[in-house]
């Protein structure tokens, strides 16, 4: 097997953009929610009929459902890559900031000690 430093680099090269993609998905989900809020509040503020913009709102809801499916797939992929990471013998790499997918934070990185 390759050196631990090489394996750590591989894990980071996958983990960093994966976590960035997860952050972008969350941002897109939030923005679509903001669109919904603005449309509903705007319709009321403009005193337009309840069905005004209904088809467009329905499209936003469909987009959010598709985005939710994408978030689920990416989250599952995260676990799959973590299994590969374990197979490579690289542990204690922390890429997320929420603790929902990555392992719980540890004090220090033990792999750094092995890299030397």
PDB file of N, CA and C in Angstrom:
ATOM      1  N   UNK A   1       0.855  -1.184   0.000  1.00  0.00           N
ATOM      2  CA  UNK A   1       0.000   0.000   0.000  1.00  0.00           C
ATOM      3  C   UNK A   1       0.893   1.236   0.000  1.00  0.00           C
ATOM      4  N   UNK A   2       0.372   2.318  -0.469  1.00  0.00           N
ATOM      5  CA  UNK A   2       1.107   3.576  -0.562  1.00  0.00           C
ATOM      6  C   UNK A   2       1.374   4.170   0.813  1.00  0.00           C
ATOM      7  N   UNK A   3       2.248   5.155   0.823  1.00  0.00           N
ATOM      8  CA  UNK A   3       2.563   5.855   2.073  1.00  0.00           C
ATOM      9  C   UNK A   3       1.310   6.509   2.640  1.00  0.00           C
ATOM     10  N   UNK A   4       1.266   6.657   3.948  1.00  0.00           N
ATOM     11  CA  UNK A   4       0.118   7.268   4.619  1.00  0.00           C
ATOM     12  C   UNK A   4      -0.090   8.703   4.147  1.00  0.00           C
ATOM     13  N   UNK A   5       0.990   9.433   3.904  1.00  0.00           N
ATOM     14  CA  UNK A   5       0.853  10.825   3.448  1.00  0.00           C
ATOM     15  C   UNK A   5       0.139  10.885   2.101  1.00  0.00           C
ATOM     16  N   UNK A   6       0.429   9.930   1.213  1.00  0.00           N
ATOM     17  CA  UNK A   6      -0.239   9.883  -0.091  1.00  0.00           C
ATOM     18  C   UNK A   6      -1.712   9.558   0.081  1.00  0.00           C
ATOM     19  N   UNK A   7      -2.001   8.609   0.951  1.00  0.00           N
ATOM     20  CA  UNK A   7      -3.400   8.241   1.194  1.00  0.00           C
ATOM     21  C   UNK A   7      -4.179   9.390   1.824  1.00  0.00           C
ATOM     22  N   UNK A   8      -3.538  10.128   2.718  1.00  0.00           N
ATOM     23  CA  UNK A   8      -4.187  11.303   3.315  1.00  0.00           C
ATOM     24  C   UNK A   8      -4.484  12.332   2.230  1.00  0.00           C
ATOM     25  N   UNK A   9      -3.537  12.552   1.335  1.00  0.00           N
ATOM     26  CA  UNK A   9      -3.762  13.500   0.227  1.00  0.00           C
ATOM     27  C   UNK A   9      -4.951  13.069  -0.629  1.00  0.00           C
ATOM     28  N   UNK A  10      -5.064  11.776  -0.891  1.00  0.00           N
ATOM     29  CA  UNK A  10      -6.182  11.263  -1.681  1.00  0.00           C
ATOM     30  C   UNK A  10      -7.504  11.513  -0.960  1.00  0.00           C
ATOM     31  N   UNK A  11      -7.530  11.198   0.333  1.00  0.00           N
ATOM     32  CA  UNK A  11      -8.751  11.417   1.122  1.00  0.00           C
ATOM     33  C   UNK A  11      -9.144  12.892   1.097  1.00  0.00           C
ATOM     34  N   UNK A  12      -8.166  13.761   1.281  1.00  0.00           N
ATOM     35  CA  UNK A  12      -8.456  15.204   1.265  1.00  0.00           C
ATOM     36  C   UNK A  12      -8.911  15.668  -0.110  1.00  0.00           C
ATOM     37  N   UNK A  13      -8.332  15.108  -1.181  1.00  0.00           N
ATOM     38  CA  UNK A  13      -8.707  15.545  -2.530  1.00  0.00           C
ATOM     39  C   UNK A  13     -10.146  15.166  -2.873  1.00  0.00           C
ATOM     40  N   UNK A  14     -10.665  14.145  -2.234  1.00  0.00           N
ATOM     41  CA  UNK A  14     -12.069  13.763  -2.417  1.00  0.00           C
ATOM     42  C   UNK A  14     -12.947  14.490  -1.401  1.00  0.00           C
ATOM     43  N   UNK A  15     -12.499  14.522  -0.160  1.00  0.00           N
ATOM     44  CA  UNK A  15     -13.321  15.077   0.918  1.00  0.00           C
ATOM     45  C   UNK A  15     -13.584  16.562   0.811  1.00  0.00           C
ATOM     46  N   UNK A  16     -12.574  17.317   0.423  1.00  0.00           N
ATOM     47  CA  UNK A  16     -12.753  18.778   0.366  1.00  0.00           C
ATOM     48  C   UNK A  16     -13.831  19.194  -0.634  1.00  0.00           C
ATOM     49  N   UNK A  17     -13.771  18.735  -1.901  1.00  0.00           N
ATOM     50  CA  UNK A  17     -14.840  19.148  -2.821  1.00  0.00           C
ATOM     51  C   UNK A  17     -16.194  18.525  -2.480  1.00  0.00           C
ATOM     52  N   UNK A  18     -16.178  17.340  -1.863  1.00  0.00           N
ATOM     53  CA  UNK A  18     -17.440  16.729  -1.459  1.00  0.00           C
ATOM     54  C   UNK A  18     -18.127  17.589  -0.407  1.00  0.00           C
ATOM     55  N   UNK A  19     -17.378  18.027   0.587  1.00  0.00           N
ATOM     56  CA  UNK A  19     -17.959  18.890   1.621  1.00  0.00           C
ATOM     57  C   UNK A  19     -18.384  20.237   1.050  1.00  0.00           C
ATOM     58  N   UNK A  20     -17.623  20.741   0.095  1.00  0.00           N
ATOM     59  CA  UNK A  20     -18.007  22.000  -0.561  1.00  0.00           C
ATOM     60  C   UNK A  20     -19.321  21.823  -1.316  1.00  0.00           C
ATOM     61  N   UNK A  21     -19.464  20.687  -2.005  1.00  0.00           N
ATOM     62  CA  UNK A  21     -20.718  20.410  -2.716  1.00  0.00           C
ATOM     63  C   UNK A  21     -21.888  20.337  -1.737  1.00  0.00           C
ATOM     64  N   UNK A  22     -21.663  19.705  -0.580  1.00  0.00           N
ATOM     65  CA  UNK A  22     -22.716  19.632   0.430  1.00  0.00           C
ATOM     66  C   UNK A  22     -23.128  21.024   0.896  1.00  0.00           C
ATOM     67  N   UNK A  23     -22.166  21.892   1.077  1.00  0.00           N
ATOM     68  CA  UNK A  23     -22.467  23.264   1.500  1.00  0.00           C
ATOM     69  C   UNK A  23     -23.252  24.004   0.419  1.00  0.00           C
ATOM     70  N   UNK A  24     -22.883  23.787  -0.847  1.00  0.00           N
ATOM     71  CA  UNK A  24     -23.605  24.442  -1.943  1.00  0.00           C
ATOM     72  C   UNK A  24     -25.044  23.927  -2.046  1.00  0.00           C
ATOM     73  N   UNK A  25     -25.232  22.638  -1.810  1.00  0.00           N
ATOM     74  CA  UNK A  25     -26.588  22.085  -1.827  1.00  0.00           C
ATOM     75  C   UNK A  25     -27.436  22.709  -0.732  1.00  0.00           C
ATOM     76  N   UNK A  26     -26.878  22.846   0.453  1.00  0.00           N
ATOM     77  CA  UNK A  26     -27.615  23.502   1.539  1.00  0.00           C
ATOM     78  C   UNK A  26     -27.938  24.948   1.201  1.00  0.00           C
ATOM     79  N   UNK A  27     -26.985  25.643   0.594  1.00  0.00           N
ATOM     80  CA  UNK A  27     -27.205  27.043   0.213  1.00  0.00           C
ATOM     81  C   UNK A  27     -28.317  27.143  -0.828  1.00  0.00           C
ATOM     82  N   UNK A  28     -28.319  26.235  -1.796  1.00  0.00           N
ATOM     83  CA  UNK A  28     -29.365  26.249  -2.826  1.00  0.00           C
ATOM     84  C   UNK A  28     -30.723  25.956  -2.199  1.00  0.00           C
ATOM     85  N   UNK A  29     -30.766  25.015  -1.267  1.00  0.00           N
ATOM     86  CA  UNK A  29     -32.015  24.682  -0.583  1.00  0.00           C
ATOM     87  C   UNK A  29     -32.550  25.904   0.156  1.00  0.00           C
ATOM     88  N   UNK A  30     -31.666  26.612   0.824  1.00  0.00           N
ATOM     89  CA  UNK A  30     -32.048  27.815   1.566  1.00  0.00           C
ATOM     90  C   UNK A  30     -32.555  28.906   0.608  1.00  0.00           C
ATOM     91  N   UNK A  31     -31.850  29.107  -0.500  1.00  0.00           N
ATOM     92  CA  UNK A  31     -32.267  30.135  -1.459  1.00  0.00           C
ATOM     93  C   UNK A  31     -33.636  29.839  -2.053  1.00  0.00           C
ATOM     94  N   UNK A  32     -33.908  28.579  -2.345  1.00  0.00           N
ATOM     95  CA  UNK A  32     -35.224  28.233  -2.879  1.00  0.00           C
ATOM     96  C   UNK A  32     -36.317  28.481  -1.843  1.00  0.00           C
ATOM     97  N   UNK A  33     -36.023  28.242  -0.583  1.00  0.00           N
ATOM     98  CA  UNK A  33     -36.988  28.548   0.471  1.00  0.00           C
ATOM     99  C   UNK A  33     -37.239  30.048   0.537  1.00  0.00           C
ATOM    100  N   UNK A  34     -36.170  30.824   0.353  1.00  0.00           N
ATOM    101  CA  UNK A  34     -36.317  32.283   0.349  1.00  0.00           C
ATOM    102  C   UNK A  34     -37.172  32.745  -0.829  1.00  0.00           C
ATOM    103  N   UNK A  35     -37.045  32.074  -1.970  1.00  0.00           N
ATOM    104  CA  UNK A  35     -37.897  32.393  -3.126  1.00  0.00           C
ATOM    105  C   UNK A  35     -39.353  32.156  -2.770  1.00  0.00           C
ATOM    106  N   UNK A  36     -39.628  31.013  -2.139  1.00  0.00           N
ATOM    107  CA  UNK A  36     -41.005  30.715  -1.746  1.00  0.00           C
ATOM    108  C   UNK A  36     -41.560  31.777  -0.804  1.00  0.00           C
ATOM    109  N   UNK A  37     -40.803  32.124   0.198  1.00  0.00           N
ATOM    110  CA  UNK A  37     -41.250  33.123   1.171  1.00  0.00           C
ATOM    111  C   UNK A  37     -41.520  34.455   0.480  1.00  0.00           C
ATOM    112  N   UNK A  38     -40.574  34.885  -0.350  1.00  0.00           N
ATOM    113  CA  UNK A  38     -40.733  36.170  -1.038  1.00  0.00           C
ATOM    114  C   UNK A  38     -41.950  36.164  -1.953  1.00  0.00           C
ATOM    115  N   UNK A  39     -42.189  35.051  -2.641  1.00  0.00           N
ATOM    116  CA  UNK A  39     -43.337  34.972  -3.556  1.00  0.00           C
ATOM    117  C   UNK A  39     -44.652  35.021  -2.787  1.00  0.00           C
ATOM    118  N   UNK A  40     -44.733  34.278  -1.700  1.00  0.00           N
ATOM    119  CA  UNK A  40     -45.974  34.250  -0.915  1.00  0.00           C
ATOM    120  C   UNK A  40     -46.214  35.613  -0.261  1.00  0.00           C
ATOM    121  N   UNK A  41     -45.171  36.181   0.334  1.00  0.00           N
ATOM    122  CA  UNK A  41     -45.322  37.491   0.961  1.00  0.00           C
ATOM    123  C   UNK A  41     -45.584  38.578  -0.078  1.00  0.00           C
ATOM    124  N   UNK A  42     -44.924  38.485  -1.216  1.00  0.00           N
ATOM    125  CA  UNK A  42     -45.124  39.470  -2.288  1.00  0.00           C
ATOM    126  C   UNK A  42     -46.536  39.445  -2.838  1.00  0.00           C
ATOM    127  N   UNK A  43     -47.088  38.237  -3.005  1.00  0.00           N
ATOM    128  CA  UNK A  43     -48.464  38.126  -3.484  1.00  0.00           C
ATOM    129  C   UNK A  43     -49.414  38.796  -2.516  1.00  0.00           C
ATOM    130  N   UNK A  44     -49.208  38.564  -1.226  1.00  0.00           N
ATOM    131  CA  UNK A  44     -50.086  39.160  -0.215  1.00  0.00           C
ATOM    132  C   UNK A  44     -49.904  40.679  -0.183  1.00  0.00           C
ATOM    133  N   UNK A  45     -48.663  41.120  -0.241  1.00  0.00           N
ATOM    134  CA  UNK A  45     -48.379  42.560  -0.202  1.00  0.00           C
ATOM    135  C   UNK A  45     -48.988  43.276  -1.406  1.00  0.00           C
ATOM    136  N   UNK A  46     -48.943  42.629  -2.560  1.00  0.00           N
ATOM    137  CA  UNK A  46     -49.514  43.229  -3.781  1.00  0.00           C
ATOM    138  C   UNK A  46     -51.021  43.022  -3.870  1.00  0.00           C
ATOM    139  N   UNK A  47     -51.568  42.298  -2.907  1.00  0.00           N
ATOM    140  CA  UNK A  47     -53.013  42.031  -2.849  1.00  0.00           C
ATOM    141  C   UNK A  47     -53.515  41.358  -4.123  1.00  0.00           C
ATOM    142  N   UNK A  48     -52.772  40.322  -4.519  1.00  0.00           N
ATOM    143  CA  UNK A  48     -53.131  39.554  -5.707  1.00  0.00           C
ATOM    144  C   UNK A  48     -53.898  38.311  -5.284  1.00  0.00           C
ATOM    145  N   UNK A  49     -54.649  37.710  -6.190  1.00  0.00           N
ATOM    146  CA  UNK A  49     -55.403  36.494  -5.854  1.00  0.00           C
ATOM    147  C   UNK A  49     -54.470  35.372  -5.364  1.00  0.00           C
ATOM    148  N   UNK A  50     -55.025  34.490  -4.560  1.00  0.00           N
ATOM    149  CA  UNK A  50     -54.252  33.415  -3.955  1.00  0.00           C
ATOM    150  C   UNK A  50     -53.541  32.544  -4.984  1.00  0.00           C
ATOM    151  N   UNK A  51     -54.136  32.340  -6.141  1.00  0.00           N
ATOM    152  CA  UNK A  51     -53.524  31.454  -7.136  1.00  0.00           C
ATOM    153  C   UNK A  51     -52.464  32.143  -8.006  1.00  0.00           C
ATOM    154  N   UNK A  52     -52.169  33.403  -7.730  1.00  0.00           N
ATOM    155  CA  UNK A  52     -51.149  34.120  -8.485  1.00  0.00           C
ATOM    156  C   UNK A  52     -49.775  33.476  -8.244  1.00  0.00           C
ATOM    157  N   UNK A  53     -49.126  33.103  -9.320  1.00  0.00           N
ATOM    158  CA  UNK A  53     -47.806  32.494  -9.225  1.00  0.00           C
ATOM    159  C   UNK A  53     -47.814  31.050  -8.758  1.00  0.00           C
ATOM    160  N   UNK A  54     -49.010  30.460  -8.707  1.00  0.00           N
ATOM    161  CA  UNK A  54     -49.132  29.096  -8.193  1.00  0.00           C
ATOM    162  C   UNK A  54     -48.266  28.107  -8.985  1.00  0.00           C
ATOM    163  N   UNK A  55     -48.306  28.192 -10.310  1.00  0.00           N
ATOM    164  CA  UNK A  55     -47.525  27.262 -11.137  1.00  0.00           C
ATOM    165  C   UNK A  55     -46.026  27.442 -10.901  1.00  0.00           C
ATOM    166  N   UNK A  56     -45.586  28.675 -10.754  1.00  0.00           N
ATOM    167  CA  UNK A  56     -44.168  28.923 -10.498  1.00  0.00           C
ATOM    168  C   UNK A  56     -43.770  28.394  -9.123  1.00  0.00           C
ATOM    169  N   UNK A  57     -44.621  28.584  -8.125  1.00  0.00           N
ATOM    170  CA  UNK A  57     -44.338  28.033  -6.796  1.00  0.00           C
ATOM    171  C   UNK A  57     -44.278  26.506  -6.839  1.00  0.00           C
ATOM    172  N   UNK A  58     -45.154  25.911  -7.612  1.00  0.00           N
ATOM    173  CA  UNK A  58     -45.141  24.451  -7.745  1.00  0.00           C
ATOM    174  C   UNK A  58     -43.817  23.987  -8.353  1.00  0.00           C
ATOM    175  N   UNK A  59     -43.275  24.755  -9.286  1.00  0.00           N
ATOM    176  CA  UNK A  59     -41.981  24.413  -9.880  1.00  0.00           C
ATOM    177  C   UNK A  59     -40.858  24.519  -8.844  1.00  0.00           C
ATOM    178  N   UNK A  60     -40.941  25.521  -7.983  1.00  0.00           N
ATOM    179  CA  UNK A  60     -39.937  25.654  -6.922  1.00  0.00           C
ATOM    180  C   UNK A  60     -40.013  24.464  -5.970  1.00  0.00           C
ATOM    181  N   UNK A  61     -41.219  24.040  -5.632  1.00  0.00           N
ATOM    182  CA  UNK A  61     -41.399  22.884  -4.759  1.00  0.00           C
ATOM    183  C   UNK A  61     -40.811  21.636  -5.428  1.00  0.00           C
ATOM    184  N   UNK A  62     -41.029  21.472  -6.719  1.00  0.00           N
ATOM    185  CA  UNK A  62     -40.437  20.334  -7.435  1.00  0.00           C
ATOM    186  C   UNK A  62     -38.909  20.415  -7.422  1.00  0.00           C
ATOM    187  N   UNK A  63     -38.389  21.614  -7.599  1.00  0.00           N
ATOM    188  CA  UNK A  63     -36.938  21.797  -7.569  1.00  0.00           C
ATOM    189  C   UNK A  63     -36.388  21.448  -6.189  1.00  0.00           C
ATOM    190  N   UNK A  64     -37.101  21.843  -5.143  1.00  0.00           N
ATOM    191  CA  UNK A  64     -36.659  21.514  -3.789  1.00  0.00           C
ATOM    192  C   UNK A  64     -36.691  20.006  -3.554  1.00  0.00           C
ATOM    193  N   UNK A  65     -37.700  19.333  -4.087  1.00  0.00           N
ATOM    194  CA  UNK A  65     -37.764  17.881  -3.926  1.00  0.00           C
ATOM    195  C   UNK A  65     -36.590  17.222  -4.650  1.00  0.00           C
ATOM    196  N   UNK A  66     -36.285  17.688  -5.845  1.00  0.00           N
ATOM    197  CA  UNK A  66     -35.138  17.148  -6.577  1.00  0.00           C
ATOM    198  C   UNK A  66     -33.841  17.438  -5.826  1.00  0.00           C
ATOM    199  N   UNK A  67     -33.738  18.625  -5.265  1.00  0.00           N
ATOM    200  CA  UNK A  67     -32.556  18.988  -4.492  1.00  0.00           C
ATOM    201  C   UNK A  67     -32.436  18.118  -3.237  1.00  0.00           C
ATOM    202  N   UNK A  68     -33.551  17.824  -2.612  1.00  0.00           N
ATOM    203  CA  UNK A  68     -33.539  16.957  -1.440  1.00  0.00           C
ATOM    204  C   UNK A  68     -33.052  15.563  -1.820  1.00  0.00           C
ATOM    205  N   UNK A  69     -33.500  15.059  -2.955  1.00  0.00           N
ATOM    206  CA  UNK A  69     -33.024  13.758  -3.425  1.00  0.00           C
ATOM    207  C   UNK A  69     -31.520  13.797  -3.687  1.00  0.00           C
ATOM    208  N   UNK A  70     -31.046  14.900  -4.238  1.00  0.00           N
ATOM    209  CA  UNK A  70     -29.617  15.063  -4.485  1.00  0.00           C
ATOM    210  C   UNK A  70     -28.853  15.117  -3.165  1.00  0.00           C
ATOM    211  N   UNK A  71     -29.361  15.868  -2.202  1.00  0.00           N
ATOM    212  CA  UNK A  71     -28.712  15.941  -0.885  1.00  0.00           C
ATOM    213  C   UNK A  71     -28.590  14.549  -0.271  1.00  0.00           C
ATOM    214  N   UNK A  72     -29.658  13.758  -0.361  1.00  0.00           N
ATOM    215  CA  UNK A  72     -29.630  12.399   0.178  1.00  0.00           C
ATOM    216  C   UNK A  72     -28.582  11.544  -0.521  1.00  0.00           C
ATOM    217  N   UNK A  73     -28.497  11.660  -1.845  1.00  0.00           N
ATOM    218  CA  UNK A  73     -27.518  10.878  -2.606  1.00  0.00           C
ATOM    219  C   UNK A  73     -26.093  11.284  -2.246  1.00  0.00           C
ATOM    220  N   UNK A  74     -25.852  12.578  -2.121  1.00  0.00           N
ATOM    221  CA  UNK A  74     -24.513  13.053  -1.768  1.00  0.00           C
ATOM    222  C   UNK A  74     -24.156  12.623  -0.349  1.00  0.00           C
ATOM    223  N   UNK A  75     -25.113  12.682   0.549  1.00  0.00           N
ATOM    224  CA  UNK A  75     -24.874  12.247   1.923  1.00  0.00           C
ATOM    225  C   UNK A  75     -24.517  10.748   1.954  1.00  0.00           C
ATOM    226  N   UNK A  76     -25.228   9.950   1.179  1.00  0.00           N
ATOM    227  CA  UNK A  76     -24.915   8.524   1.088  1.00  0.00           C
ATOM    228  C   UNK A  76     -23.534   8.307   0.494  1.00  0.00           C
ATOM    229  N   UNK A  77     -23.189   9.099  -0.512  1.00  0.00           N
ATOM    230  CA  UNK A  77     -21.855   9.001  -1.121  1.00  0.00           C
ATOM    231  C   UNK A  77     -20.782   9.318  -0.084  1.00  0.00           C
ATOM    232  N   UNK A  78     -21.057  10.279   0.783  1.00  0.00           N
ATOM    233  CA  UNK A  78     -20.107  10.642   1.826  1.00  0.00           C
ATOM    234  C   UNK A  78     -19.770   9.414   2.683  1.00  0.00           C
ATOM    235  N   UNK A  79     -20.817   8.668   3.066  1.00  0.00           N
ATOM    236  CA  UNK A  79     -20.583   7.447   3.835  1.00  0.00           C
ATOM    237  C   UNK A  79     -19.808   6.417   3.027  1.00  0.00           C
ATOM    238  N   UNK A  80     -20.102   6.320   1.734  1.00  0.00           N
ATOM    239  CA  UNK A  80     -19.385   5.387   0.874  1.00  0.00           C
ATOM    240  C   UNK A  80     -17.909   5.730   0.773  1.00  0.00           C
ATOM    241  N   UNK A  81     -17.602   7.010   0.617  1.00  0.00           N
ATOM    242  CA  UNK A  81     -16.204   7.425   0.567  1.00  0.00           C
ATOM    243  C   UNK A  81     -15.517   7.235   1.915  1.00  0.00           C
ATOM    244  N   UNK A  82     -16.282   7.388   2.978  1.00  0.00           N
ATOM    245  CA  UNK A  82     -15.704   7.165   4.306  1.00  0.00           C
ATOM    246  C   UNK A  82     -15.308   5.699   4.461  1.00  0.00           C
ATOM    247  N   UNK A  83     -16.099   4.786   3.896  1.00  0.00           N
ATOM    248  CA  UNK A  83     -15.750   3.365   3.930  1.00  0.00           C
ATOM    249  C   UNK A  83     -14.455   3.111   3.155  1.00  0.00           C
ATOM    250  N   UNK A  84     -14.306   3.783   2.013  1.00  0.00           N
ATOM    251  CA  UNK A  84     -13.067   3.661   1.246  1.00  0.00           C
ATOM    252  C   UNK A  84     -11.897   4.195   2.064  1.00  0.00           C
ATOM    253  N   UNK A  85     -12.121   5.308   2.716  1.00  0.00           N
ATOM    254  CA  UNK A  85     -11.092   5.903   3.579  1.00  0.00           C
ATOM    255  C   UNK A  85     -10.654   4.899   4.647  1.00  0.00           C
ATOM    256  N   UNK A  86     -11.613   4.224   5.258  1.00  0.00           N
ATOM    257  CA  UNK A  86     -11.291   3.218   6.275  1.00  0.00           C
ATOM    258  C   UNK A  86     -10.477   2.078   5.662  1.00  0.00           C
ATOM    259  N   UNK A  87     -10.848   1.647   4.467  1.00  0.00           N
ATOM    260  CA  UNK A  87     -10.123   0.589   3.781  1.00  0.00           C
ATOM    261  C   UNK A  87      -8.678   0.996   3.509  1.00  0.00           C
ATOM    262  N   UNK A  88      -8.481   2.280   3.249  1.00  0.00           N
ATOM    263  CA  UNK A  88      -7.144   2.805   2.974  1.00  0.00           C
ATOM    264  C   UNK A  88      -6.325   2.964   4.257  1.00  0.00           C
ATOM    265  N   UNK A  89      -6.963   2.789   5.401  1.00  0.00           N
ATOM    266  CA  UNK A  89      -6.257   2.928   6.670  1.00  0.00           C
ATOM    267  C   UNK A  89      -6.024   4.365   7.082  1.00  0.00           C
ATOM    268  N   UNK A  90      -6.840   5.261   6.573  1.00  0.00           N
ATOM    269  CA  UNK A  90      -6.731   6.680   6.931  1.00  0.00           C
ATOM    270  C   UNK A  90      -7.888   6.996   7.864  1.00  0.00           C
ATOM    271  N   UNK A  91      -7.553   7.315   9.110  1.00  0.00           N
ATOM    272  CA  UNK A  91      -8.604   7.638  10.060  1.00  0.00           C
ATOM    273  C   UNK A  91      -8.402   9.042  10.611  1.00  0.00           C
ATOM    274  N   UNK A  92      -9.371   9.474  11.383  1.00  0.00           N
ATOM    275  CA  UNK A  92      -9.312  10.764  12.071  1.00  0.00           C
ATOM    276  C   UNK A  92      -9.168  11.957  11.128  1.00  0.00           C
ATOM    277  N   UNK A  93      -9.687  11.840   9.919  1.00  0.00           N
ATOM    278  CA  UNK A  93      -9.714  12.989   9.013  1.00  0.00           C
ATOM    279  C   UNK A  93     -11.082  13.649   9.182  1.00  0.00           C
ATOM    280  N   UNK A  94     -11.089  14.906   9.503  1.00  0.00           N
ATOM    281  CA  UNK A  94     -12.328  15.628   9.759  1.00  0.00           C
ATOM    282  C   UNK A  94     -12.550  16.657   8.662  1.00  0.00           C
ATOM    283  N   UNK A  95     -13.614  16.498   7.883  1.00  0.00           N
ATOM    284  CA  UNK A  95     -13.883  17.430   6.793  1.00  0.00           C
ATOM    285  C   UNK A  95     -15.162  18.228   7.010  1.00  0.00           C
ATOM    286  N   UNK A  96     -16.100  17.703   7.766  1.00  0.00           N
ATOM    287  CA  UNK A  96     -17.361  18.410   7.965  1.00  0.00           C
ATOM    288  C   UNK A  96     -17.323  19.284   9.196  1.00  0.00           C
ATOM    289  N   UNK A  97     -18.270  20.176   9.288  1.00  0.00           N
ATOM    290  CA  UNK A  97     -18.295  21.047  10.460  1.00  0.00           C
ATOM    291  C   UNK A  97     -19.559  20.852  11.274  1.00  0.00           C
ATOM    292  N   UNK A  98     -20.354  19.845  10.933  1.00  0.00           N
ATOM    293  CA  UNK A  98     -21.593  19.634  11.660  1.00  0.00           C
ATOM    294  C   UNK A  98     -21.605  18.328  12.444  1.00  0.00           C
ATOM    295  N   UNK A  99     -20.674  17.429  12.150  1.00  0.00           N
ATOM    296  CA  UNK A  99     -20.607  16.169  12.854  1.00  0.00           C
ATOM    297  C   UNK A  99     -21.681  15.176  12.471  1.00  0.00           C
ATOM    298  N   UNK A 100     -22.476  15.450  11.423  1.00  0.00           N
ATOM    299  CA  UNK A 100     -23.545  14.528  11.075  1.00  0.00           C
ATOM    300  C   UNK A 100     -23.058  13.389  10.187  1.00  0.00           C
ATOM    301  N   UNK A 101     -22.065  13.605   9.369  1.00  0.00           N
ATOM    302  CA  UNK A 101     -21.516  12.536   8.552  1.00  0.00           C
ATOM    303  C   UNK A 101     -20.129  12.140   9.017  1.00  0.00           C
ATOM    304  N   UNK A 102     -19.215  13.100   9.161  1.00  0.00           N
ATOM    305  CA  UNK A 102     -17.880  12.710   9.628  1.00  0.00           C
ATOM    306  C   UNK A 102     -17.926  12.204  11.064  1.00  0.00           C
ATOM    307  N   UNK A 103     -16.910  11.470  11.423  1.00  0.00           N
ATOM    308  CA  UNK A 103     -16.815  10.978  12.792  1.00  0.00           C
ATOM    309  C   UNK A 103     -16.716  12.153  13.755  1.00  0.00           C
ATOM    310  N   UNK A 104     -17.005  11.890  14.999  1.00  0.00           N
ATOM    311  CA  UNK A 104     -16.922  12.950  15.993  1.00  0.00           C
ATOM    312  C   UNK A 104     -15.499  13.489  16.059  1.00  0.00           C
ATOM    313  N   UNK A 105     -15.378  14.751  16.343  1.00  0.00           N
ATOM    314  CA  UNK A 105     -14.070  15.413  16.371  1.00  0.00           C
ATOM    315  C   UNK A 105     -13.193  14.804  17.455  1.00  0.00           C
ATOM    316  N   UNK A 106     -11.924  14.711  17.153  1.00  0.00           N
ATOM    317  CA  UNK A 106     -10.956  14.198  18.121  1.00  0.00           C
ATOM    318  C   UNK A 106      -9.926  15.285  18.365  1.00  0.00           C
ATOM    319  N   UNK A 107      -9.303  15.218  19.513  1.00  0.00           N
ATOM    320  CA  UNK A 107      -8.261  16.186  19.822  1.00  0.00           C
ATOM    321  C   UNK A 107      -7.016  15.770  19.059  1.00  0.00           C
ATOM    322  N   UNK A 108      -6.564  16.603  18.124  1.00  0.00           N
ATOM    323  CA  UNK A 108      -5.382  16.294  17.328  1.00  0.00           C
ATOM    324  C   UNK A 108      -5.683  15.297  16.235  1.00  0.00           C
ATOM    325  N   UNK A 109      -4.799  15.195  15.293  1.00  0.00           N
ATOM    326  CA  UNK A 109      -4.933  14.234  14.212  1.00  0.00           C
ATOM    327  C   UNK A 109      -3.868  13.158  14.363  1.00  0.00           C
ATOM    328  N   UNK A 110      -4.283  11.961  14.659  1.00  0.00           N
ATOM    329  CA  UNK A 110      -3.308  10.898  14.855  1.00  0.00           C
ATOM    330  C   UNK A 110      -2.581  10.549  13.570  1.00  0.00           C
ATOM    331  N   UNK A 111      -3.226  10.791  12.416  1.00  0.00           N
ATOM    332  CA  UNK A 111      -2.546  10.452  11.165  1.00  0.00           C
ATOM    333  C   UNK A 111      -1.360  11.338  10.904  1.00  0.00           C
ATOM    334  N   UNK A 112      -1.355  12.530  11.438  1.00  0.00           N
ATOM    335  CA  UNK A 112      -0.218  13.425  11.266  1.00  0.00           C
ATOM    336  C   UNK A 112       1.023  12.799  11.909  1.00  0.00           C
ATOM    337  N   UNK A 113       0.831  12.156  13.018  1.00  0.00           N
ATOM    338  CA  UNK A 113       1.952  11.494  13.689  1.00  0.00           C
ATOM    339  C   UNK A 113       2.495  10.360  12.843  1.00  0.00           C
ATOM    340  N   UNK A 114       1.625   9.695  12.074  1.00  0.00           N
ATOM    341  CA  UNK A 114       2.057   8.586  11.217  1.00  0.00           C
ATOM    342  C   UNK A 114       2.680   9.069   9.921  1.00  0.00           C
ATOM    343  N   UNK A 115       2.444  10.297   9.525  1.00  0.00           N
ATOM    344  CA  UNK A 115       2.900  10.815   8.233  1.00  0.00           C
ATOM    345  C   UNK A 115       4.418  11.035   8.208  1.00  0.00           C
ATOM    346  N   UNK A 116       4.998  11.232   9.337  1.00  0.00           N
ATOM    347  CA  UNK A 116       6.434  11.531   9.381  1.00  0.00           C
ATOM    348  C   UNK A 116       7.302  10.369   9.012  1.00  0.00           C
TER     349      UNK A 116
END
